[in-house]
Amino acid sequence: MSRRFVFIAPLAILGILVFTFIGGQIVRLLWNWLLPPLFGWHTITFWQALGLLVLCRVLFGGLGLRGSAGSNIRRRVAERMERMTPEERERFRHGMRRHFGFGPPGGEGSHTI
């Protein structure tokens, strides 16, 4: 088993390096192709593109330390909805629509100026 690991570990490290290099190059090429002509921004280097990739991962993808919070919330809401009666489900949906501004116009809780 350890002999197999000796062959797989270098390949995994090489794969990560290649994947990172390709990702950085794609971000750099897309940035330099689109943003300077459209908005007049400066072109970026490979290392800046790699930094953008890391920043996006931190801001939007988490660090991979635990499961996605969004999927956990969706799972919990789905479990709660299954335990509700049809009347409770409809009342919940109506409350969510009203809360997020998708209720009927001029109804309860609407504010006209």
PDB file of N, CA and C in Angstrom:
ATOM      1  N   MET A   1       0.820  -1.192   0.000  1.00  0.00           N
ATOM      2  CA  MET A   1       0.000   0.000   0.000  1.00  0.00           C
ATOM      3  C   MET A   1       0.866   1.259   0.000  1.00  0.00           C
ATOM      4  N   SER A   2       1.937   1.290   0.785  1.00  0.00           N
ATOM      5  CA  SER A   2       2.784   2.472   0.847  1.00  0.00           C
ATOM      6  C   SER A   2       3.539   2.664  -0.467  1.00  0.00           C
ATOM      7  N   ARG A   3       3.811   1.568  -1.155  1.00  0.00           N
ATOM      8  CA  ARG A   3       4.504   1.655  -2.437  1.00  0.00           C
ATOM      9  C   ARG A   3       3.614   2.340  -3.475  1.00  0.00           C
ATOM     10  N   ARG A   4       2.350   2.056  -3.416  1.00  0.00           N
ATOM     11  CA  ARG A   4       1.385   2.688  -4.316  1.00  0.00           C
ATOM     12  C   ARG A   4       1.295   4.188  -4.026  1.00  0.00           C
ATOM     13  N   PHE A   5       1.320   4.561  -2.767  1.00  0.00           N
ATOM     14  CA  PHE A   5       1.257   5.961  -2.361  1.00  0.00           C
ATOM     15  C   PHE A   5       2.448   6.741  -2.894  1.00  0.00           C
ATOM     16  N   VAL A   6       3.601   6.098  -2.952  1.00  0.00           N
ATOM     17  CA  VAL A   6       4.818   6.744  -3.439  1.00  0.00           C
ATOM     18  C   VAL A   6       4.648   7.175  -4.896  1.00  0.00           C
ATOM     19  N   PHE A   7       3.878   6.428  -5.676  1.00  0.00           N
ATOM     20  CA  PHE A   7       3.665   6.776  -7.075  1.00  0.00           C
ATOM     21  C   PHE A   7       2.512   7.764  -7.243  1.00  0.00           C
ATOM     22  N   ILE A   8       1.503   7.683  -6.421  1.00  0.00           N
ATOM     23  CA  ILE A   8       0.318   8.534  -6.561  1.00  0.00           C
ATOM     24  C   ILE A   8       0.570   9.939  -6.034  1.00  0.00           C
ATOM     25  N   ALA A   9       1.290  10.086  -4.935  1.00  0.00           N
ATOM     26  CA  ALA A   9       1.504  11.403  -4.328  1.00  0.00           C
ATOM     27  C   ALA A   9       2.179  12.391  -5.283  1.00  0.00           C
ATOM     28  N   PRO A  10       3.265  12.020  -5.960  1.00  0.00           N
ATOM     29  CA  PRO A  10       3.861  12.985  -6.898  1.00  0.00           C
ATOM     30  C   PRO A  10       2.923  13.344  -8.055  1.00  0.00           C
ATOM     31  N   LEU A  11       2.151  12.372  -8.527  1.00  0.00           N
ATOM     32  CA  LEU A  11       1.195  12.659  -9.593  1.00  0.00           C
ATOM     33  C   LEU A  11       0.107  13.614  -9.111  1.00  0.00           C
ATOM     34  N   ALA A  12      -0.345  13.434  -7.875  1.00  0.00           N
ATOM     35  CA  ALA A  12      -1.361  14.327  -7.323  1.00  0.00           C
ATOM     36  C   ALA A  12      -0.810  15.747  -7.183  1.00  0.00           C
ATOM     37  N   ILE A  13       0.401  15.873  -6.699  1.00  0.00           N
ATOM     38  CA  ILE A  13       1.021  17.196  -6.557  1.00  0.00           C
ATOM     39  C   ILE A  13       1.203  17.837  -7.931  1.00  0.00           C
ATOM     40  N   LEU A  14       1.650  17.063  -8.903  1.00  0.00           N
ATOM     41  CA  LEU A  14       1.812  17.580 -10.261  1.00  0.00           C
ATOM     42  C   LEU A  14       0.464  18.007 -10.838  1.00  0.00           C
ATOM     43  N   GLY A  15      -0.562  17.219 -10.599  1.00  0.00           N
ATOM     44  CA  GLY A  15      -1.900  17.564 -11.082  1.00  0.00           C
ATOM     45  C   GLY A  15      -2.399  18.865 -10.473  1.00  0.00           C
ATOM     46  N   ILE A  16      -2.171  19.055  -9.188  1.00  0.00           N
ATOM     47  CA  ILE A  16      -2.584  20.297  -8.518  1.00  0.00           C
ATOM     48  C   ILE A  16      -1.834  21.480  -9.105  1.00  0.00           C
ATOM     49  N   LEU A  17      -0.520  21.328  -9.321  1.00  0.00           N
ATOM     50  CA  LEU A  17       0.273  22.414  -9.903  1.00  0.00           C
ATOM     51  C   LEU A  17      -0.184  22.758 -11.322  1.00  0.00           C
ATOM     52  N   VAL A  18      -0.454  21.747 -12.132  1.00  0.00           N
ATOM     53  CA  VAL A  18      -0.907  21.981 -13.503  1.00  0.00           C
ATOM     54  C   VAL A  18      -2.275  22.656 -13.497  1.00  0.00           C
ATOM     55  N   PHE A  19      -3.175  22.166 -12.657  1.00  0.00           N
ATOM     56  CA  PHE A  19      -4.516  22.744 -12.550  1.00  0.00           C
ATOM     57  C   PHE A  19      -4.430  24.212 -12.108  1.00  0.00           C
ATOM     58  N   THR A  20      -3.583  24.513 -11.139  1.00  0.00           N
ATOM     59  CA  THR A  20      -3.409  25.882 -10.661  1.00  0.00           C
ATOM     60  C   THR A  20      -2.830  26.764 -11.755  1.00  0.00           C
ATOM     61  N   PHE A  21      -1.842  26.264 -12.471  1.00  0.00           N
ATOM     62  CA  PHE A  21      -1.222  27.031 -13.555  1.00  0.00           C
ATOM     63  C   PHE A  21      -2.246  27.347 -14.647  1.00  0.00           C
ATOM     64  N   ILE A  22      -3.005  26.341 -15.045  1.00  0.00           N
ATOM     65  CA  ILE A  22      -4.005  26.553 -16.105  1.00  0.00           C
ATOM     66  C   ILE A  22      -5.078  27.531 -15.640  1.00  0.00           C
ATOM     67  N   GLY A  23      -5.528  27.390 -14.399  1.00  0.00           N
ATOM     68  CA  GLY A  23      -6.526  28.322 -13.866  1.00  0.00           C
ATOM     69  C   GLY A  23      -6.019  29.746 -13.846  1.00  0.00           C
ATOM     70  N   GLY A  24      -4.798  29.944 -13.401  1.00  0.00           N
ATOM     71  CA  GLY A  24      -4.206  31.284 -13.375  1.00  0.00           C
ATOM     72  C   GLY A  24      -4.065  31.878 -14.766  1.00  0.00           C
ATOM     73  N   GLN A  25      -3.652  31.041 -15.706  1.00  0.00           N
ATOM     74  CA  GLN A  25      -3.494  31.527 -17.090  1.00  0.00           C
ATOM     75  C   GLN A  25      -4.855  31.908 -17.682  1.00  0.00           C
ATOM     76  N   ILE A  26      -5.873  31.109 -17.415  1.00  0.00           N
ATOM     77  CA  ILE A  26      -7.204  31.414 -17.946  1.00  0.00           C
ATOM     78  C   ILE A  26      -7.711  32.735 -17.377  1.00  0.00           C
ATOM     79  N   VAL A  27      -7.578  32.929 -16.080  1.00  0.00           N
ATOM     80  CA  VAL A  27      -8.023  34.185 -15.464  1.00  0.00           C
ATOM     81  C   VAL A  27      -7.233  35.358 -16.042  1.00  0.00           C
ATOM     82  N   ARG A  28      -5.911  35.221 -16.173  1.00  0.00           N
ATOM     83  CA  ARG A  28      -5.078  36.302 -16.713  1.00  0.00           C
ATOM     84  C   ARG A  28      -5.482  36.640 -18.144  1.00  0.00           C
ATOM     85  N   LEU A  29      -5.640  35.611 -18.970  1.00  0.00           N
ATOM     86  CA  LEU A  29      -5.991  35.860 -20.375  1.00  0.00           C
ATOM     87  C   LEU A  29      -7.370  36.493 -20.506  1.00  0.00           C
ATOM     88  N   LEU A  30      -8.339  35.998 -19.759  1.00  0.00           N
ATOM     89  CA  LEU A  30      -9.686  36.588 -19.828  1.00  0.00           C
ATOM     90  C   LEU A  30      -9.691  38.023 -19.326  1.00  0.00           C
ATOM     91  N   TRP A  31      -9.012  38.276 -18.212  1.00  0.00           N
ATOM     92  CA  TRP A  31      -8.947  39.635 -17.664  1.00  0.00           C
ATOM     93  C   TRP A  31      -8.319  40.580 -18.695  1.00  0.00           C
ATOM     94  N   ASN A  32      -7.150  40.184 -19.200  1.00  0.00           N
ATOM     95  CA  ASN A  32      -6.420  41.057 -20.119  1.00  0.00           C
ATOM     96  C   ASN A  32      -7.137  41.209 -21.461  1.00  0.00           C
ATOM     97  N   TRP A  33      -7.967  40.269 -21.824  1.00  0.00           N
ATOM     98  CA  TRP A  33      -8.709  40.345 -23.072  1.00  0.00           C
ATOM     99  C   TRP A  33      -9.952  41.221 -22.922  1.00  0.00           C
ATOM    100  N   LEU A  34     -10.639  41.123 -21.768  1.00  0.00           N
ATOM    101  CA  LEU A  34     -11.913  41.811 -21.608  1.00  0.00           C
ATOM    102  C   LEU A  34     -11.842  43.159 -20.900  1.00  0.00           C
ATOM    103  N   LEU A  35     -11.202  43.222 -19.759  1.00  0.00           N
ATOM    104  CA  LEU A  35     -11.336  44.405 -18.913  1.00  0.00           C
ATOM    105  C   LEU A  35     -10.581  45.642 -19.393  1.00  0.00           C
ATOM    106  N   PRO A  36      -9.340  45.543 -19.876  1.00  0.00           N
ATOM    107  CA  PRO A  36      -8.703  46.777 -20.366  1.00  0.00           C
ATOM    108  C   PRO A  36      -9.471  47.445 -21.516  1.00  0.00           C
ATOM    109  N   PRO A  37      -9.932  46.707 -22.536  1.00  0.00           N
ATOM    110  CA  PRO A  37     -10.675  47.387 -23.603  1.00  0.00           C
ATOM    111  C   PRO A  37     -12.046  47.911 -23.153  1.00  0.00           C
ATOM    112  N   LEU A  38     -12.714  47.162 -22.278  1.00  0.00           N
ATOM    113  CA  LEU A  38     -14.060  47.570 -21.862  1.00  0.00           C
ATOM    114  C   LEU A  38     -14.052  48.718 -20.864  1.00  0.00           C
ATOM    115  N   PHE A  39     -13.190  48.641 -19.863  1.00  0.00           N
ATOM    116  CA  PHE A  39     -13.228  49.601 -18.768  1.00  0.00           C
ATOM    117  C   PHE A  39     -11.951  50.423 -18.619  1.00  0.00           C
ATOM    118  N   GLY A  40     -10.942  50.147 -19.404  1.00  0.00           N
ATOM    119  CA  GLY A  40      -9.688  50.885 -19.307  1.00  0.00           C
ATOM    120  C   GLY A  40      -8.828  50.492 -18.118  1.00  0.00           C
ATOM    121  N   TRP A  41      -9.083  49.310 -17.548  1.00  0.00           N
ATOM    122  CA  TRP A  41      -8.282  48.852 -16.414  1.00  0.00           C
ATOM    123  C   TRP A  41      -6.949  48.332 -16.911  1.00  0.00           C
ATOM    124  N   HIS A  42      -5.985  48.229 -16.004  1.00  0.00           N
ATOM    125  CA  HIS A  42      -4.646  47.740 -16.350  1.00  0.00           C
ATOM    126  C   HIS A  42      -4.666  46.234 -16.584  1.00  0.00           C
ATOM    127  N   THR A  43      -3.693  45.765 -17.355  1.00  0.00           N
ATOM    128  CA  THR A  43      -3.527  44.327 -17.515  1.00  0.00           C
ATOM    129  C   THR A  43      -2.891  43.770 -16.235  1.00  0.00           C
ATOM    130  N   ILE A  44      -3.022  42.467 -16.036  1.00  0.00           N
ATOM    131  CA  ILE A  44      -2.493  41.838 -14.825  1.00  0.00           C
ATOM    132  C   ILE A  44      -1.488  40.757 -15.196  1.00  0.00           C
ATOM    133  N   THR A  45      -0.670  40.396 -14.215  1.00  0.00           N
ATOM    134  CA  THR A  45       0.325  39.334 -14.398  1.00  0.00           C
ATOM    135  C   THR A  45      -0.276  38.003 -13.970  1.00  0.00           C
ATOM    136  N   PHE A  46       0.469  36.944 -14.222  1.00  0.00           N
ATOM    137  CA  PHE A  46       0.030  35.610 -13.803  1.00  0.00           C
ATOM    138  C   PHE A  46      -0.186  35.547 -12.295  1.00  0.00           C
ATOM    139  N   TRP A  47       0.727  36.133 -11.526  1.00  0.00           N
ATOM    140  CA  TRP A  47       0.628  36.053 -10.069  1.00  0.00           C
ATOM    141  C   TRP A  47      -0.568  36.849  -9.540  1.00  0.00           C
ATOM    142  N   GLN A  48      -0.885  37.964 -10.192  1.00  0.00           N
ATOM    143  CA  GLN A  48      -2.074  38.712  -9.802  1.00  0.00           C
ATOM    144  C   GLN A  48      -3.335  37.915 -10.129  1.00  0.00           C
ATOM    145  N   ALA A  49      -3.333  37.234 -11.273  1.00  0.00           N
ATOM    146  CA  ALA A  49      -4.467  36.397 -11.643  1.00  0.00           C
ATOM    147  C   ALA A  49      -4.638  35.259 -10.641  1.00  0.00           C
ATOM    148  N   LEU A  50      -3.528  34.671 -10.222  1.00  0.00           N
ATOM    149  CA  LEU A  50      -3.586  33.607  -9.224  1.00  0.00           C
ATOM    150  C   LEU A  50      -4.128  34.150  -7.904  1.00  0.00           C
ATOM    151  N   GLY A  51      -3.719  35.360  -7.538  1.00  0.00           N
ATOM    152  CA  GLY A  51      -4.251  36.001  -6.342  1.00  0.00           C
ATOM    153  C   GLY A  51      -5.754  36.234  -6.447  1.00  0.00           C
ATOM    154  N   LEU A  52      -6.229  36.623  -7.626  1.00  0.00           N
ATOM    155  CA  LEU A  52      -7.669  36.792  -7.830  1.00  0.00           C
ATOM    156  C   LEU A  52      -8.409  35.469  -7.665  1.00  0.00           C
ATOM    157  N   LEU A  53      -7.825  34.414  -8.201  1.00  0.00           N
ATOM    158  CA  LEU A  53      -8.440  33.089  -8.035  1.00  0.00           C
ATOM    159  C   LEU A  53      -8.564  32.711  -6.562  1.00  0.00           C
ATOM    160  N   VAL A  54      -7.513  32.934  -5.807  1.00  0.00           N
ATOM    161  CA  VAL A  54      -7.531  32.615  -4.373  1.00  0.00           C
ATOM    162  C   VAL A  54      -8.549  33.492  -3.657  1.00  0.00           C
ATOM    163  N   LEU A  55      -8.580  34.781  -3.984  1.00  0.00           N
ATOM    164  CA  LEU A  55      -9.528  35.701  -3.360  1.00  0.00           C
ATOM    165  C   LEU A  55     -10.966  35.279  -3.639  1.00  0.00           C
ATOM    166  N   CYS A  56     -11.248  34.916  -4.879  1.00  0.00           N
ATOM    167  CA  CYS A  56     -12.603  34.453  -5.223  1.00  0.00           C
ATOM    168  C   CYS A  56     -12.954  33.176  -4.479  1.00  0.00           C
ATOM    169  N   ARG A  57     -11.998  32.302  -4.334  1.00  0.00           N
ATOM    170  CA  ARG A  57     -12.232  31.058  -3.599  1.00  0.00           C
ATOM    171  C   ARG A  57     -12.567  31.345  -2.137  1.00  0.00           C
ATOM    172  N   VAL A  58     -11.835  32.265  -1.541  1.00  0.00           N
ATOM    173  CA  VAL A  58     -12.087  32.618  -0.140  1.00  0.00           C
ATOM    174  C   VAL A  58     -13.438  33.299   0.003  1.00  0.00           C
ATOM    175  N   LEU A  59     -13.738  34.246  -0.888  1.00  0.00           N
ATOM    176  CA  LEU A  59     -14.971  35.019  -0.756  1.00  0.00           C
ATOM    177  C   LEU A  59     -16.212  34.225  -1.136  1.00  0.00           C
ATOM    178  N   PHE A  60     -16.137  33.439  -2.194  1.00  0.00           N
ATOM    179  CA  PHE A  60     -17.332  32.799  -2.719  1.00  0.00           C
ATOM    180  C   PHE A  60     -17.371  31.287  -2.548  1.00  0.00           C
ATOM    181  N   GLY A  61     -16.236  30.642  -2.347  1.00  0.00           N
ATOM    182  CA  GLY A  61     -16.229  29.196  -2.301  1.00  0.00           C
ATOM    183  C   GLY A  61     -15.844  28.614  -0.966  1.00  0.00           C
ATOM    184  N   GLY A  62     -15.496  29.443  -0.004  1.00  0.00           N
ATOM    185  CA  GLY A  62     -15.027  28.918   1.262  1.00  0.00           C
ATOM    186  C   GLY A  62     -13.637  28.333   1.102  1.00  0.00           C
ATOM    187  N   LEU A  63     -13.146  27.756   2.147  1.00  0.00           N
ATOM    188  CA  LEU A  63     -11.801  27.176   2.108  1.00  0.00           C
ATOM    189  C   LEU A  63     -11.825  25.656   2.080  1.00  0.00           C
ATOM    190  N   GLY A  64     -13.006  25.071   1.936  1.00  0.00           N
ATOM    191  CA  GLY A  64     -13.110  23.632   1.873  1.00  0.00           C
ATOM    192  C   GLY A  64     -12.934  22.950   3.221  1.00  0.00           C
ATOM    193  N   LEU A  65     -13.081  23.709   4.306  1.00  0.00           N
ATOM    194  CA  LEU A  65     -12.883  23.134   5.630  1.00  0.00           C
ATOM    195  C   LEU A  65     -14.109  22.383   6.132  1.00  0.00           C
ATOM    196  N   ARG A  66     -15.264  22.758   5.607  1.00  0.00           N
ATOM    197  CA  ARG A  66     -16.505  22.091   6.008  1.00  0.00           C
ATOM    198  C   ARG A  66     -17.450  22.125   4.829  1.00  0.00           C
ATOM    199  N   GLY A  67     -18.588  21.478   4.963  1.00  0.00           N
ATOM    200  CA  GLY A  67     -19.571  21.464   3.893  1.00  0.00           C
ATOM    201  C   GLY A  67     -20.113  22.854   3.624  1.00  0.00           C
ATOM    202  N   SER A  68     -20.680  23.016   2.464  1.00  0.00           N
ATOM    203  CA  SER A  68     -21.236  24.305   2.080  1.00  0.00           C
ATOM    204  C   SER A  68     -22.374  24.688   3.005  1.00  0.00           C
ATOM    205  N   ALA A  69     -22.345  25.906   3.527  1.00  0.00           N
ATOM    206  CA  ALA A  69     -23.394  26.374   4.429  1.00  0.00           C
ATOM    207  C   ALA A  69     -24.728  26.443   3.700  1.00  0.00           C
ATOM    208  N   GLY A  70     -24.698  26.828   2.424  1.00  0.00           N
ATOM    209  CA  GLY A  70     -25.931  26.935   1.647  1.00  0.00           C
ATOM    210  C   GLY A  70     -26.627  25.597   1.499  1.00  0.00           C
ATOM    211  N   SER A  71     -25.884  24.537   1.215  1.00  0.00           N
ATOM    212  CA  SER A  71     -26.501  23.226   1.056  1.00  0.00           C
ATOM    213  C   SER A  71     -27.027  22.722   2.390  1.00  0.00           C
ATOM    214  N   ASN A  72     -26.357  23.066   3.483  1.00  0.00           N
ATOM    215  CA  ASN A  72     -26.820  22.668   4.802  1.00  0.00           C
ATOM    216  C   ASN A  72     -28.147  23.345   5.130  1.00  0.00           C
ATOM    217  N   ILE A  73     -28.271  24.624   4.803  1.00  0.00           N
ATOM    218  CA  ILE A  73     -29.509  25.350   5.058  1.00  0.00           C
ATOM    219  C   ILE A  73     -30.632  24.789   4.202  1.00  0.00           C
ATOM    220  N   ARG A  74     -30.358  24.538   2.915  1.00  0.00           N
ATOM    221  CA  ARG A  74     -31.387  23.965   2.033  1.00  0.00           C
ATOM    222  C   ARG A  74     -31.858  22.617   2.547  1.00  0.00           C
ATOM    223  N   ARG A  75     -30.931  21.806   3.022  1.00  0.00           N
ATOM    224  CA  ARG A  75     -31.310  20.492   3.542  1.00  0.00           C
ATOM    225  C   ARG A  75     -32.211  20.625   4.757  1.00  0.00           C
ATOM    226  N   ARG A  76     -31.853  21.547   5.666  1.00  0.00           N
ATOM    227  CA  ARG A  76     -32.657  21.737   6.874  1.00  0.00           C
ATOM    228  C   ARG A  76     -34.045  22.270   6.555  1.00  0.00           C
ATOM    229  N   VAL A  77     -34.142  23.203   5.595  1.00  0.00           N
ATOM    230  CA  VAL A  77     -35.451  23.730   5.208  1.00  0.00           C
ATOM    231  C   VAL A  77     -36.287  22.630   4.572  1.00  0.00           C
ATOM    232  N   ALA A  78     -35.674  21.805   3.731  1.00  0.00           N
ATOM    233  CA  ALA A  78     -36.402  20.710   3.093  1.00  0.00           C
ATOM    234  C   ALA A  78     -36.925  19.731   4.142  1.00  0.00           C
ATOM    235  N   GLU A  79     -36.117  19.426   5.157  1.00  0.00           N
ATOM    236  CA  GLU A  79     -36.564  18.521   6.216  1.00  0.00           C
ATOM    237  C   GLU A  79     -37.740  19.118   6.979  1.00  0.00           C
ATOM    238  N   ARG A  80     -37.676  20.416   7.257  1.00  0.00           N
ATOM    239  CA  ARG A  80     -38.782  21.073   7.971  1.00  0.00           C
ATOM    240  C   ARG A  80     -40.049  21.080   7.125  1.00  0.00           C
ATOM    241  N   MET A  81     -39.896  21.341   5.829  1.00  0.00           N
ATOM    242  CA  MET A  81     -41.065  21.389   4.941  1.00  0.00           C
ATOM    243  C   MET A  81     -41.748  20.022   4.873  1.00  0.00           C
ATOM    244  N   GLU A  82     -40.955  18.944   4.911  1.00  0.00           N
ATOM    245  CA  GLU A  82     -41.547  17.606   4.864  1.00  0.00           C
ATOM    246  C   GLU A  82     -42.389  17.318   6.092  1.00  0.00           C
ATOM    247  N   ARG A  83     -42.008  17.882   7.227  1.00  0.00           N
ATOM    248  CA  ARG A  83     -42.749  17.633   8.467  1.00  0.00           C
ATOM    249  C   ARG A  83     -44.003  18.501   8.600  1.00  0.00           C
ATOM    250  N   MET A  84     -44.150  19.509   7.724  1.00  0.00           N
ATOM    251  CA  MET A  84     -45.289  20.425   7.815  1.00  0.00           C
ATOM    252  C   MET A  84     -46.527  19.838   7.136  1.00  0.00           C
ATOM    253  N   THR A  85     -47.673  20.272   7.621  1.00  0.00           N
ATOM    254  CA  THR A  85     -48.924  19.937   6.941  1.00  0.00           C
ATOM    255  C   THR A  85     -49.045  20.830   5.713  1.00  0.00           C
ATOM    256  N   PRO A  86     -49.918  20.494   4.761  1.00  0.00           N
ATOM    257  CA  PRO A  86     -50.084  21.349   3.579  1.00  0.00           C
ATOM    258  C   PRO A  86     -50.470  22.794   3.942  1.00  0.00           C
ATOM    259  N   GLU A  87     -51.288  22.969   4.970  1.00  0.00           N
ATOM    260  CA  GLU A  87     -51.689  24.318   5.382  1.00  0.00           C
ATOM    261  C   GLU A  87     -50.488  25.093   5.936  1.00  0.00           C
ATOM    262  N   GLU A  88     -49.660  24.417   6.739  1.00  0.00           N
ATOM    263  CA  GLU A  88     -48.479  25.070   7.291  1.00  0.00           C
ATOM    264  C   GLU A  88     -47.492  25.449   6.177  1.00  0.00           C
ATOM    265  N   ARG A  89     -47.336  24.557   5.174  1.00  0.00           N
ATOM    266  CA  ARG A  89     -46.457  24.843   4.047  1.00  0.00           C
ATOM    267  C   ARG A  89     -46.921  26.083   3.286  1.00  0.00           C
ATOM    268  N   GLU A  90     -48.227  26.164   3.031  1.00  0.00           N
ATOM    269  CA  GLU A  90     -48.757  27.308   2.295  1.00  0.00           C
ATOM    270  C   GLU A  90     -48.592  28.596   3.100  1.00  0.00           C
ATOM    271  N   ARG A  91     -48.815  28.521   4.401  1.00  0.00           N
ATOM    272  CA  ARG A  91     -48.632  29.697   5.250  1.00  0.00           C
ATOM    273  C   ARG A  91     -47.155  30.131   5.251  1.00  0.00           C
ATOM    274  N   PHE A  92     -46.239  29.170   5.285  1.00  0.00           N
ATOM    275  CA  PHE A  92     -44.806  29.468   5.230  1.00  0.00           C
ATOM    276  C   PHE A  92     -44.446  30.136   3.900  1.00  0.00           C
ATOM    277  N   ARG A  93     -44.918  29.568   2.785  1.00  0.00           N
ATOM    278  CA  ARG A  93     -44.633  30.143   1.467  1.00  0.00           C
ATOM    279  C   ARG A  93     -45.181  31.561   1.353  1.00  0.00           C
ATOM    280  N   HIS A  94     -46.405  31.759   1.841  1.00  0.00           N
ATOM    281  CA  HIS A  94     -47.019  33.086   1.788  1.00  0.00           C
ATOM    282  C   HIS A  94     -46.194  34.079   2.608  1.00  0.00           C
ATOM    283  N   GLY A  95     -45.749  33.678   3.780  1.00  0.00           N
ATOM    284  CA  GLY A  95     -44.938  34.552   4.618  1.00  0.00           C
ATOM    285  C   GLY A  95     -43.608  34.894   3.957  1.00  0.00           C
ATOM    286  N   MET A  96     -42.977  33.907   3.306  1.00  0.00           N
ATOM    287  CA  MET A  96     -41.708  34.163   2.621  1.00  0.00           C
ATOM    288  C   MET A  96     -41.916  35.120   1.447  1.00  0.00           C
ATOM    289  N   ARG A  97     -42.981  34.917   0.676  1.00  0.00           N
ATOM    290  CA  ARG A  97     -43.253  35.823  -0.448  1.00  0.00           C
ATOM    291  C   ARG A  97     -43.474  37.245   0.050  1.00  0.00           C
ATOM    292  N   ARG A  98     -44.245  37.379   1.111  1.00  0.00           N
ATOM    293  CA  ARG A  98     -44.519  38.705   1.667  1.00  0.00           C
ATOM    294  C   ARG A  98     -43.241  39.345   2.197  1.00  0.00           C
ATOM    295  N   HIS A  99     -42.422  38.545   2.873  1.00  0.00           N
ATOM    296  CA  HIS A  99     -41.179  39.061   3.455  1.00  0.00           C
ATOM    297  C   HIS A  99     -40.221  39.569   2.384  1.00  0.00           C
ATOM    298  N   PHE A 100     -40.133  38.850   1.257  1.00  0.00           N
ATOM    299  CA  PHE A 100     -39.185  39.221   0.212  1.00  0.00           C
ATOM    300  C   PHE A 100     -39.808  40.085  -0.878  1.00  0.00           C
ATOM    301  N   GLY A 101     -41.028  40.571  -0.658  1.00  0.00           N
ATOM    302  CA  GLY A 101     -41.631  41.535  -1.578  1.00  0.00           C
ATOM    303  C   GLY A 101     -42.304  40.943  -2.789  1.00  0.00           C
ATOM    304  N   PHE A 102     -42.730  39.687  -2.723  1.00  0.00           N
ATOM    305  CA  PHE A 102     -43.421  39.068  -3.847  1.00  0.00           C
ATOM    306  C   PHE A 102     -44.896  38.855  -3.560  1.00  0.00           C
ATOM    307  N   GLY A 103     -45.390  39.538  -2.548  1.00  0.00           N
ATOM    308  CA  GLY A 103     -46.799  39.403  -2.200  1.00  0.00           C
ATOM    309  C   GLY A 103     -47.672  40.197  -3.146  1.00  0.00           C
ATOM    310  N   PRO A 104     -48.993  40.099  -2.972  1.00  0.00           N
ATOM    311  CA  PRO A 104     -49.892  40.848  -3.848  1.00  0.00           C
ATOM    312  C   PRO A 104     -49.735  42.348  -3.627  1.00  0.00           C
ATOM    313  N   PRO A 105     -49.809  43.162  -4.692  1.00  0.00           N
ATOM    314  CA  PRO A 105     -49.650  44.604  -4.534  1.00  0.00           C
ATOM    315  C   PRO A 105     -50.805  45.196  -3.728  1.00  0.00           C
ATOM    316  N   GLY A 106     -50.469  46.132  -2.868  1.00  0.00           N
ATOM    317  CA  GLY A 106     -51.477  46.810  -2.058  1.00  0.00           C
ATOM    318  C   GLY A 106     -51.982  45.973  -0.904  1.00  0.00           C
ATOM    319  N   GLY A 107     -51.372  44.823  -0.699  1.00  0.00           N
ATOM    320  CA  GLY A 107     -51.805  43.941   0.376  1.00  0.00           C
ATOM    321  C   GLY A 107     -51.224  44.368   1.702  1.00  0.00           C
ATOM    322  N   GLU A 108     -51.424  43.523   2.687  1.00  0.00           N
ATOM    323  CA  GLU A 108     -50.924  43.798   4.032  1.00  0.00           C
ATOM    324  C   GLU A 108     -49.404  43.930   4.019  1.00  0.00           C
ATOM    325  N   GLY A 109     -48.916  44.961   4.652  1.00  0.00           N
ATOM    326  CA  GLY A 109     -47.473  45.145   4.780  1.00  0.00           C
ATOM    327  C   GLY A 109     -46.835  45.893   3.622  1.00  0.00           C
ATOM    328  N   SER A 110     -47.643  46.261   2.609  1.00  0.00           N
ATOM    329  CA  SER A 110     -47.042  47.025   1.502  1.00  0.00           C
ATOM    330  C   SER A 110     -46.992  48.485   1.870  1.00  0.00           C
ATOM    331  N   HIS A 111     -45.982  49.149   1.408  1.00  0.00           N
ATOM    332  CA  HIS A 111     -45.795  50.563   1.707  1.00  0.00           C
ATOM    333  C   HIS A 111     -45.836  51.341   0.407  1.00  0.00           C
ATOM    334  N   THR A 112     -46.773  52.273   0.295  1.00  0.00           N
ATOM    335  CA  THR A 112     -46.822  53.133  -0.885  1.00  0.00           C
ATOM    336  C   THR A 112     -46.378  54.520  -0.511  1.00  0.00           C
ATOM    337  N   ILE A 113     -45.664  55.120  -1.406  1.00  0.00           N
ATOM    338  CA  ILE A 113     -45.158  56.466  -1.140  1.00  0.00           C
ATOM    339  C   ILE A 113     -45.832  57.440  -2.088  1.00  0.00           C
TER     340      ILE A 113
END
